[in-house]
Protein backbone atom coordinates (compact mmCIF):
# COMPACT_ATOMS: atom_id res chain seq x y z
CA MET A 1 0.20 -20.79 -2.46
CA PHE A 2 3.59 -20.85 -0.71
CA VAL A 3 4.55 -17.63 -2.49
CA LEU A 4 1.36 -15.97 -1.27
CA LEU A 5 2.11 -16.97 2.31
CA LEU A 6 5.50 -15.25 2.02
CA SER A 7 3.67 -11.96 1.57
CA ILE A 8 2.40 -12.13 5.16
CA PRO A 9 5.75 -11.76 7.03
CA LEU A 10 6.91 -9.24 4.43
CA ALA A 11 3.82 -7.14 5.06
CA PHE A 12 4.31 -7.28 8.84
CA ILE A 13 8.01 -6.42 8.73
CA TYR A 14 7.72 -3.60 6.25
CA GLY A 15 4.37 -2.33 7.51
CA VAL A 16 5.45 -1.98 11.13
CA ARG A 17 8.52 0.01 10.10
CA ARG A 18 6.52 2.28 7.82
CA TYR A 19 3.24 2.84 9.65
CA GLY A 20 3.63 1.37 13.12
CA ALA A 21 2.22 -1.76 14.74
CA LYS A 22 -1.13 -0.22 15.72
CA ALA A 23 -2.05 0.88 12.17
CA LEU A 24 -0.89 -2.41 10.69
CA LEU A 25 -2.90 -4.52 13.13
CA LEU A 26 -5.94 -2.39 12.39
CA PHE A 27 -5.40 -3.01 8.67
CA PHE A 28 -5.19 -6.75 9.39
CA ALA A 29 -8.48 -6.60 11.28
CA VAL A 30 -10.18 -4.68 8.44
CA THR A 31 -9.02 -7.13 5.75
CA PHE A 32 -9.97 -10.11 7.95
CA VAL A 33 -13.55 -8.92 8.43
CA VAL A 34 -14.05 -7.69 4.85
CA SER A 35 -12.59 -10.82 3.22
CA ASN A 36 -14.59 -13.21 5.38
CA PHE A 37 -17.84 -11.30 4.91
CA PHE A 38 -17.69 -11.09 1.11
CA GLU A 39 -16.29 -14.59 0.64
CA LYS A 40 -19.18 -15.98 2.69
CA LEU A 41 -21.62 -13.76 0.81
CA SER A 42 -20.36 -15.09 -2.53
CA ILE A 43 -20.58 -18.69 -1.35
CA SER A 44 -24.16 -18.19 -0.16
CA THR A 45 -25.59 -15.89 -2.85
CA GLY A 46 -23.08 -15.66 -5.71
CA PHE A 47 -22.53 -11.94 -5.10
CA PRO A 48 -20.12 -10.30 -5.76
CA CYS A 49 -17.67 -12.90 -7.11
CA GLY A 50 -19.91 -15.73 -8.28
CA HIS A 51 -21.13 -19.11 -6.98
CA HIS A 52 -18.30 -21.24 -5.66
CA HIS A 53 -17.26 -23.36 -2.71
CA TYR A 54 -13.93 -24.31 -1.16
CA THR A 55 -12.55 -27.84 -0.89
CA GLY A 56 -10.63 -29.17 2.11
CA SER A 57 -8.65 -26.89 4.47
CA PRO A 58 -9.86 -25.82 7.94
CA LYS A 59 -12.59 -23.22 7.53
CA LEU A 60 -14.03 -20.28 9.41
CA ILE A 61 -17.68 -19.78 8.40
CA ASP A 62 -17.14 -21.79 5.18
CA VAL A 63 -14.00 -19.76 4.30
CA PRO A 64 -10.54 -21.37 4.60
CA ILE A 65 -8.49 -19.77 7.34
CA PHE A 66 -5.56 -19.13 4.98
CA ILE A 67 -7.68 -16.74 2.90
CA HIS A 68 -7.69 -13.98 5.51
CA PRO A 69 -3.91 -13.60 6.01
CA VAL A 70 -3.39 -13.86 2.25
CA TYR A 71 -5.81 -10.98 1.74
CA PHE A 72 -3.78 -9.03 4.27
CA GLY A 73 -0.30 -9.81 2.93
CA LEU A 74 -1.09 -9.54 -0.76
CA GLY A 75 -3.32 -6.52 -0.19
CA TYR A 76 -0.57 -4.65 1.62
CA LEU A 77 2.08 -5.40 -1.02
CA CYS A 78 -0.24 -4.38 -3.87
CA ARG A 79 -1.04 -1.20 -2.02
CA GLN A 80 2.63 -0.37 -1.69
CA VAL A 81 3.16 -0.96 -5.42
CA ALA A 82 0.30 1.45 -6.09
CA ASN A 83 1.87 3.90 -3.66
CA VAL A 84 5.12 3.82 -5.65
CA LEU A 85 3.28 4.28 -8.96
CA LEU A 86 1.44 7.29 -7.53
CA ASP A 87 4.64 8.88 -6.19
CA GLU A 88 4.17 8.35 -2.44
CA ALA A 89 0.46 9.19 -2.53
CA ASP A 90 0.02 8.16 1.11
CA THR A 91 1.94 11.28 2.13
CA ARG A 92 -0.67 13.45 0.38
CA LEU A 93 -4.13 12.36 1.55
CA SER A 94 -6.76 14.94 2.43
CA TRP A 95 -10.33 15.84 1.54
CA ARG A 96 -9.67 19.51 2.24
CA ALA A 97 -6.14 20.39 1.10
CA GLY A 98 -6.21 20.65 -2.68
CA THR A 99 -7.55 18.64 -5.60
CA GLY A 100 -4.47 16.42 -5.90
CA ARG A 101 -4.78 15.20 -2.32
CA ARG A 102 -8.50 14.51 -2.70
CA VAL A 103 -7.78 12.48 -5.84
CA ASN A 104 -5.16 10.44 -3.98
CA VAL A 105 -7.72 9.39 -1.37
CA VAL A 106 -9.66 7.60 -4.13
CA ALA A 107 -6.87 6.77 -6.61
CA LEU A 108 -4.64 4.92 -4.15
CA PRO A 109 -7.11 2.18 -3.10
CA MET A 110 -8.51 1.84 -6.63
CA THR A 111 -5.03 1.38 -8.10
CA ALA A 112 -4.05 -1.08 -5.37
CA ALA A 113 -7.22 -3.09 -6.08
CA ALA A 114 -6.48 -3.09 -9.82
CA ILE A 115 -3.00 -4.51 -9.19
CA MET A 116 -4.43 -7.17 -6.88
CA THR A 117 -7.06 -8.06 -9.50
CA MET A 118 -4.34 -8.46 -12.14
CA PHE A 119 -2.63 -10.94 -9.84
CA ASP A 120 -5.91 -12.81 -9.40
CA LEU A 121 -6.40 -12.88 -13.16
CA GLY A 122 -3.23 -14.92 -13.51
CA SER A 123 -3.64 -17.18 -10.50
CA ASP A 124 -7.35 -17.91 -10.01
CA SER A 125 -7.73 -20.33 -12.90
CA ILE A 126 -4.69 -22.33 -11.75
CA ALA A 127 -5.89 -22.53 -8.15
CA SER A 128 -9.46 -23.46 -9.09
CA THR A 129 -9.49 -25.19 -12.47
CA VAL A 130 -6.15 -26.99 -12.13
CA ASN A 131 -5.56 -27.47 -8.39
CA HIS A 132 -9.24 -27.48 -7.31
CA LEU A 133 -8.67 -25.44 -4.15
CA TRP A 134 -12.14 -24.07 -4.86
CA ILE A 135 -14.81 -24.94 -7.41
CA TRP A 136 -16.79 -22.55 -9.59
CA GLU A 137 -20.20 -24.16 -9.68
CA ARG A 138 -21.27 -22.58 -12.97
CA GLY A 139 -17.88 -22.32 -14.61
CA GLY A 140 -16.83 -19.30 -16.60
CA GLY A 141 -15.18 -17.95 -19.71
CA VAL A 142 -11.69 -17.33 -18.31
CA PHE A 143 -10.32 -20.88 -18.10
CA GLY A 144 -13.30 -21.93 -16.02
CA VAL A 145 -13.51 -18.74 -13.96
CA PRO A 146 -16.49 -16.37 -14.41
CA CYS A 147 -15.66 -12.83 -15.48
CA THR A 148 -17.80 -11.48 -12.66
CA ASN A 149 -15.23 -12.86 -10.22
CA TYR A 150 -12.67 -10.28 -11.27
CA LEU A 151 -15.11 -7.39 -11.07
CA GLY A 152 -16.19 -8.57 -7.62
CA TRP A 153 -12.55 -9.02 -6.58
CA TRP A 154 -11.77 -5.44 -7.63
CA LEU A 155 -14.77 -4.04 -5.75
CA VAL A 156 -13.99 -5.97 -2.55
CA THR A 157 -10.28 -5.12 -2.54
CA THR A 158 -11.05 -1.46 -3.29
CA GLY A 159 -13.34 -1.39 -0.29
CA SER A 160 -10.87 -3.09 2.04
CA SER A 161 -8.00 -0.87 0.91
CA ARG A 162 -10.15 2.26 1.20
CA SER A 163 -11.25 1.23 4.69
CA SER A 164 -7.69 0.71 5.89
CA PRO A 165 -6.15 3.23 8.31
CA PHE A 166 -3.47 4.04 5.72
CA THR A 167 -6.02 5.89 3.60
CA TRP A 168 -7.87 7.78 6.32
CA PRO A 169 -7.25 11.50 5.68
CA ALA A 170 -8.30 12.36 9.22
CA ALA A 171 -5.75 9.99 10.71
CA GLY A 172 -3.00 11.49 8.58
CA HIS A 173 0.37 9.95 7.87
CA PRO A 174 3.55 10.01 9.94
CA CYS A 175 5.03 12.32 7.32
CA GLU A 176 2.28 14.88 7.91
CA ALA A 177 2.47 15.05 11.69
CA PRO A 178 3.66 18.49 12.87
CA GLY A 179 7.41 18.51 13.36
CA SER A 180 7.76 14.83 12.45
CA MET A 181 10.71 13.27 10.69
CA CYS A 182 9.26 10.58 8.48
CA ARG A 183 11.37 7.43 8.29
CA CYS A 184 9.70 5.97 5.23
CA SER A 185 10.11 8.46 2.41
CA GLY A 186 12.61 11.11 3.43
CA PHE A 187 10.00 13.80 4.08
CA SER A 188 9.56 16.15 6.99
CA SER A 189 6.65 18.47 7.72
CA THR A 190 6.53 21.93 9.19
CA GLN A 191 4.23 23.23 11.89
CA GLY A 192 0.75 24.23 10.80
CA SER A 193 -2.19 22.53 9.21
CA GLY A 194 -2.27 21.74 5.53
CA SER A 195 1.42 22.35 5.01
CA ALA A 196 2.94 20.15 2.37
CA PRO A 197 5.84 17.89 3.34
CA SER A 198 9.25 19.08 2.29
CA ARG A 199 12.46 17.21 1.62
CA ILE A 200 14.84 16.88 4.50
CA SER A 201 18.00 18.80 3.85
CA ARG A 202 21.11 17.46 5.47
CA PRO A 203 23.49 19.96 7.04
CA HIS A 204 26.61 20.64 5.04
CA ARG A 205 29.97 21.18 6.57
CA ALA A 206 31.28 24.71 6.44
CA THR A 207 33.92 25.22 3.80
CA THR A 208 36.60 27.83 3.59
CA SER A 209 37.56 29.50 0.36
CA ARG A 210 41.08 28.77 -0.78
CA MET A 211 43.04 30.22 -3.64
CA ARG A 212 45.83 28.66 -5.56
CA PRO A 213 49.30 29.79 -4.45
CA GLU A 214 50.66 32.59 -6.57
CA PRO A 215 54.27 32.78 -7.75
CA SER A 216 56.74 34.47 -5.44
CA GLY A 217 56.79 38.23 -5.59
CA THR A 218 53.05 38.60 -6.04
CA ASN A 219 50.50 39.54 -3.43
CA VAL A 220 48.43 36.62 -2.15
CA ILE A 221 44.85 37.46 -1.32
CA SER A 222 43.51 35.51 1.62
CA SER A 223 39.87 35.05 2.50
CA ARG A 224 40.64 36.51 5.94
CA ASP A 225 41.77 39.83 4.39
CA THR A 226 38.50 40.37 2.59
CA PRO A 227 35.98 42.61 4.34
């Protein structure tokens, strides 16, 4: 659990530098509401993750208060891993500018959710079956965890990632703002809608052509003598 809590400051530090404080706080609010709603829904009805209840810890509407920031921190880090795997997909998000950009709008949150579900696959049974942080009331086939938990986890995290401001095509990305110089991936964009970001080219120092010195008695051609 301590490792999971480390993801929270990492997400804040890296997220503010990449997207800005406003977008990151909005992402925190989205994950807070989504995680609490579906965790409470699962506790009450068994959908989408299965029947379970939490033990100990201060709770907010039957959900431990540490769950919400963990959803935020881990969700952000998994999203950034997905972003790397998809070659900076968050710089190419649009429903209107080409098939590849439309695919990214869906592929990025789905991939991030898959990575987060893989993490849950390795940690849920330890947290519940071994450490009893929560109890699965009907057990399950994955070391005491029901298989439906992982499907529900993927659906919930896909929804929260898709609802985040980082994947809103209308909001755009700092790299796609007209005339912007993106700090996060080395891209800049040109004026005009729908223009693809281009790599920033650094200015090169002017060089003068020089020729090796010729032996005495021969004519030396200088770059200044050339028309």
